[in-house]
């Protein structure tokens, strides 16, 4: 299940942004997922919840947009934080 390792990387990026901005929590992580990426959206969402558990991203929402992207995979496009 590569979705779990992908979700862990997404959470790591979100937590780094929170650290860099001094934020108390991550509220939303926006990603773009290429349809050709073969990533299962629902499995990724569940994996995100698992990876974020016990972190400042635990209550965060994963906002997924499915559209073609240059990488052909999954890209973090924005991270919303709560100061």
N, C-alpha and C. Protein backbone atom coordinates (compact mmCIF):
# COMPACT_ATOMS: atom_id res chain seq x y z
N UNK A 1 0.84 -1.17 0.00
CA UNK A 1 0.00 0.00 0.00
C UNK A 1 0.90 1.24 0.00
N UNK A 2 1.19 1.76 -1.18
CA UNK A 2 2.05 2.93 -1.27
C UNK A 2 1.34 4.21 -0.83
N UNK A 3 0.02 4.16 -0.70
CA UNK A 3 -0.72 5.33 -0.22
C UNK A 3 -0.29 5.74 1.18
N UNK A 4 0.05 4.77 2.04
CA UNK A 4 0.46 5.11 3.40
C UNK A 4 1.80 5.86 3.41
N UNK A 5 2.75 5.42 2.61
CA UNK A 5 4.03 6.14 2.56
C UNK A 5 3.85 7.50 1.92
N UNK A 6 2.98 7.59 0.93
CA UNK A 6 2.69 8.89 0.30
C UNK A 6 2.02 9.82 1.31
N UNK A 7 1.07 9.30 2.07
CA UNK A 7 0.40 10.11 3.09
C UNK A 7 1.38 10.59 4.15
N UNK A 8 2.31 9.73 4.54
CA UNK A 8 3.32 10.13 5.53
C UNK A 8 4.18 11.26 4.99
N UNK A 9 4.53 11.21 3.73
CA UNK A 9 5.30 12.31 3.12
C UNK A 9 4.50 13.59 3.08
N UNK A 10 3.21 13.50 2.76
CA UNK A 10 2.34 14.69 2.74
C UNK A 10 2.26 15.30 4.13
N UNK A 11 2.09 14.47 5.14
CA UNK A 11 2.03 14.97 6.52
C UNK A 11 3.36 15.61 6.91
N UNK A 12 4.46 15.01 6.54
CA UNK A 12 5.78 15.60 6.83
C UNK A 12 5.91 16.99 6.23
N UNK A 13 5.47 17.16 4.99
CA UNK A 13 5.52 18.48 4.33
C UNK A 13 4.64 19.47 5.10
N UNK A 14 3.45 19.05 5.45
CA UNK A 14 2.52 19.93 6.17
C UNK A 14 3.09 20.35 7.53
N UNK A 15 3.70 19.41 8.24
CA UNK A 15 4.26 19.73 9.55
C UNK A 15 5.47 20.66 9.43
N UNK A 16 6.24 20.51 8.36
CA UNK A 16 7.37 21.41 8.13
C UNK A 16 6.86 22.83 7.90
N UNK A 17 5.81 22.96 7.12
CA UNK A 17 5.21 24.28 6.89
C UNK A 17 4.71 24.87 8.21
N UNK A 18 4.06 24.04 9.02
CA UNK A 18 3.58 24.50 10.32
C UNK A 18 4.75 24.94 11.20
N UNK A 19 5.83 24.15 11.22
CA UNK A 19 7.02 24.51 11.99
C UNK A 19 7.61 25.83 11.51
N UNK A 20 7.76 25.96 10.20
CA UNK A 20 8.38 27.16 9.62
C UNK A 20 7.57 28.42 9.88
N UNK A 21 6.25 28.27 9.99
CA UNK A 21 5.39 29.44 10.20
C UNK A 21 5.03 29.64 11.67
N UNK A 22 5.45 28.71 12.53
CA UNK A 22 5.12 28.81 13.95
C UNK A 22 3.66 28.54 14.24
N UNK A 23 3.01 27.80 13.36
CA UNK A 23 1.58 27.53 13.51
C UNK A 23 1.30 26.47 14.56
N UNK A 24 0.13 26.60 15.18
CA UNK A 24 -0.29 25.64 16.19
C UNK A 24 -0.83 24.36 15.57
N UNK A 25 -1.43 24.49 14.38
CA UNK A 25 -2.05 23.32 13.76
C UNK A 25 -2.15 23.49 12.25
N UNK A 26 -2.19 22.36 11.58
CA UNK A 26 -2.48 22.32 10.16
C UNK A 26 -3.98 22.10 10.03
N UNK A 27 -4.66 22.91 9.22
CA UNK A 27 -6.11 22.77 9.08
C UNK A 27 -6.52 22.06 7.79
N UNK A 28 -5.82 22.36 6.70
CA UNK A 28 -6.15 21.74 5.42
C UNK A 28 -4.88 21.54 4.60
N UNK A 29 -4.78 20.39 3.97
CA UNK A 29 -3.70 20.13 3.02
C UNK A 29 -4.35 19.94 1.66
N UNK A 30 -3.98 20.78 0.71
CA UNK A 30 -4.53 20.72 -0.64
C UNK A 30 -3.54 19.98 -1.53
N UNK A 31 -4.03 18.99 -2.24
CA UNK A 31 -3.17 18.25 -3.16
C UNK A 31 -3.86 18.15 -4.52
N UNK A 32 -3.02 18.01 -5.55
CA UNK A 32 -3.51 17.68 -6.88
C UNK A 32 -3.01 16.28 -7.20
N UNK A 33 -3.92 15.45 -7.67
CA UNK A 33 -3.60 14.06 -7.96
C UNK A 33 -3.90 13.78 -9.42
N UNK A 34 -2.89 13.38 -10.16
CA UNK A 34 -3.07 13.06 -11.57
C UNK A 34 -3.87 11.76 -11.69
N UNK A 35 -4.86 11.71 -12.57
CA UNK A 35 -5.64 10.47 -12.71
C UNK A 35 -4.77 9.27 -13.12
N UNK A 36 -3.64 9.54 -13.76
CA UNK A 36 -2.76 8.45 -14.18
C UNK A 36 -1.83 7.98 -13.06
N UNK A 37 -1.95 8.57 -11.88
CA UNK A 37 -1.05 8.23 -10.77
C UNK A 37 -1.35 6.86 -10.16
N UNK A 38 -2.55 6.35 -10.42
CA UNK A 38 -2.97 5.06 -9.88
C UNK A 38 -3.03 5.06 -8.35
N UNK A 39 -3.20 6.25 -7.78
CA UNK A 39 -3.38 6.37 -6.32
C UNK A 39 -4.88 6.31 -6.05
N UNK A 40 -5.26 5.48 -5.12
CA UNK A 40 -6.67 5.36 -4.74
C UNK A 40 -7.01 6.50 -3.78
N UNK A 41 -7.89 7.36 -4.21
CA UNK A 41 -8.23 8.57 -3.44
C UNK A 41 -8.75 8.23 -2.04
N UNK A 42 -9.65 7.27 -1.93
CA UNK A 42 -10.21 6.95 -0.61
C UNK A 42 -9.16 6.30 0.30
N UNK A 43 -8.30 5.46 -0.27
CA UNK A 43 -7.24 4.85 0.52
C UNK A 43 -6.25 5.91 0.98
N UNK A 44 -5.94 6.87 0.09
CA UNK A 44 -5.03 7.95 0.47
C UNK A 44 -5.62 8.79 1.60
N UNK A 45 -6.91 9.08 1.54
CA UNK A 45 -7.56 9.86 2.61
C UNK A 45 -7.49 9.12 3.94
N UNK A 46 -7.74 7.82 3.93
CA UNK A 46 -7.65 7.04 5.16
C UNK A 46 -6.21 6.99 5.66
N UNK A 47 -5.26 6.82 4.75
CA UNK A 47 -3.85 6.78 5.13
C UNK A 47 -3.40 8.12 5.69
N UNK A 48 -3.94 9.22 5.15
CA UNK A 48 -3.62 10.54 5.67
C UNK A 48 -4.05 10.66 7.13
N UNK A 49 -5.24 10.19 7.44
CA UNK A 49 -5.72 10.22 8.83
C UNK A 49 -4.80 9.42 9.75
N UNK A 50 -4.36 8.28 9.29
CA UNK A 50 -3.46 7.43 10.09
C UNK A 50 -2.12 8.13 10.29
N UNK A 51 -1.57 8.67 9.21
CA UNK A 51 -0.26 9.32 9.28
C UNK A 51 -0.29 10.59 10.12
N UNK A 52 -1.42 11.28 10.12
CA UNK A 52 -1.53 12.55 10.84
C UNK A 52 -1.89 12.36 12.32
N UNK A 53 -2.35 11.20 12.70
CA UNK A 53 -2.77 10.95 14.08
C UNK A 53 -1.66 11.30 15.06
N UNK A 54 -2.04 12.04 16.11
CA UNK A 54 -1.09 12.41 17.15
C UNK A 54 -0.16 13.56 16.79
N UNK A 55 -0.41 14.21 15.66
CA UNK A 55 0.41 15.34 15.23
C UNK A 55 -0.45 16.60 15.17
N UNK A 56 0.19 17.71 14.86
CA UNK A 56 -0.55 18.97 14.69
C UNK A 56 -1.42 18.96 13.44
N UNK A 57 -1.35 17.90 12.67
CA UNK A 57 -2.19 17.76 11.48
C UNK A 57 -3.33 16.77 11.71
N UNK A 58 -3.50 16.33 12.94
CA UNK A 58 -4.48 15.29 13.25
C UNK A 58 -5.91 15.68 12.87
N UNK A 59 -6.23 16.94 12.97
CA UNK A 59 -7.59 17.40 12.65
C UNK A 59 -7.68 17.99 11.25
N UNK A 60 -6.61 17.89 10.49
CA UNK A 60 -6.57 18.50 9.15
C UNK A 60 -7.42 17.73 8.16
N UNK A 61 -7.90 18.47 7.19
CA UNK A 61 -8.65 17.91 6.07
C UNK A 61 -7.72 17.76 4.88
N UNK A 62 -7.84 16.66 4.18
CA UNK A 62 -7.09 16.47 2.94
C UNK A 62 -8.03 16.82 1.80
N UNK A 63 -7.72 17.90 1.09
CA UNK A 63 -8.52 18.38 -0.03
C UNK A 63 -7.87 17.91 -1.33
N UNK A 64 -8.54 17.01 -2.04
CA UNK A 64 -7.96 16.38 -3.23
C UNK A 64 -8.63 16.91 -4.48
N UNK A 65 -7.81 17.42 -5.40
CA UNK A 65 -8.27 17.80 -6.73
C UNK A 65 -7.66 16.80 -7.70
N UNK A 66 -8.51 16.20 -8.52
CA UNK A 66 -8.02 15.25 -9.50
C UNK A 66 -7.97 15.95 -10.86
N UNK A 67 -6.75 16.12 -11.34
CA UNK A 67 -6.54 16.70 -12.67
C UNK A 67 -5.11 16.39 -13.10
N UNK A 68 -4.89 16.50 -14.38
CA UNK A 68 -3.56 16.22 -14.91
C UNK A 68 -2.56 17.21 -14.31
N UNK A 69 -1.40 16.70 -13.94
CA UNK A 69 -0.34 17.56 -13.45
C UNK A 69 0.99 17.12 -14.07
N UNK A 70 1.93 18.02 -14.08
CA UNK A 70 3.20 17.80 -14.78
C UNK A 70 3.95 16.58 -14.27
N UNK A 71 3.83 16.28 -12.99
CA UNK A 71 4.59 15.16 -12.42
C UNK A 71 3.95 13.82 -12.73
N UNK A 72 2.66 13.83 -13.05
CA UNK A 72 1.96 12.57 -13.28
C UNK A 72 1.64 11.84 -11.99
N UNK A 73 1.87 12.50 -10.86
CA UNK A 73 1.65 11.86 -9.56
C UNK A 73 0.77 12.70 -8.66
N UNK A 74 1.25 12.93 -7.46
CA UNK A 74 0.53 13.70 -6.45
C UNK A 74 1.41 14.87 -6.02
N UNK A 75 0.82 16.07 -5.98
CA UNK A 75 1.57 17.28 -5.64
C UNK A 75 0.82 18.03 -4.54
N UNK A 76 1.54 18.43 -3.51
CA UNK A 76 0.96 19.31 -2.48
C UNK A 76 0.94 20.71 -3.07
N UNK A 77 -0.25 21.31 -3.16
CA UNK A 77 -0.39 22.62 -3.79
C UNK A 77 -0.53 23.76 -2.78
N UNK A 78 -1.04 23.47 -1.58
CA UNK A 78 -1.19 24.50 -0.55
C UNK A 78 -1.43 23.82 0.78
N UNK A 79 -1.04 24.54 1.84
CA UNK A 79 -1.25 24.05 3.20
C UNK A 79 -1.81 25.20 4.02
N UNK A 80 -2.97 24.99 4.63
CA UNK A 80 -3.57 25.99 5.49
C UNK A 80 -3.24 25.65 6.94
N UNK A 81 -2.85 26.67 7.70
CA UNK A 81 -2.50 26.46 9.10
C UNK A 81 -3.30 27.39 9.99
N UNK A 82 -3.35 27.04 11.26
CA UNK A 82 -4.01 27.86 12.27
C UNK A 82 -2.92 28.40 13.18
N UNK A 83 -2.73 29.71 13.16
CA UNK A 83 -1.63 30.29 13.96
C UNK A 83 -1.79 30.11 15.41
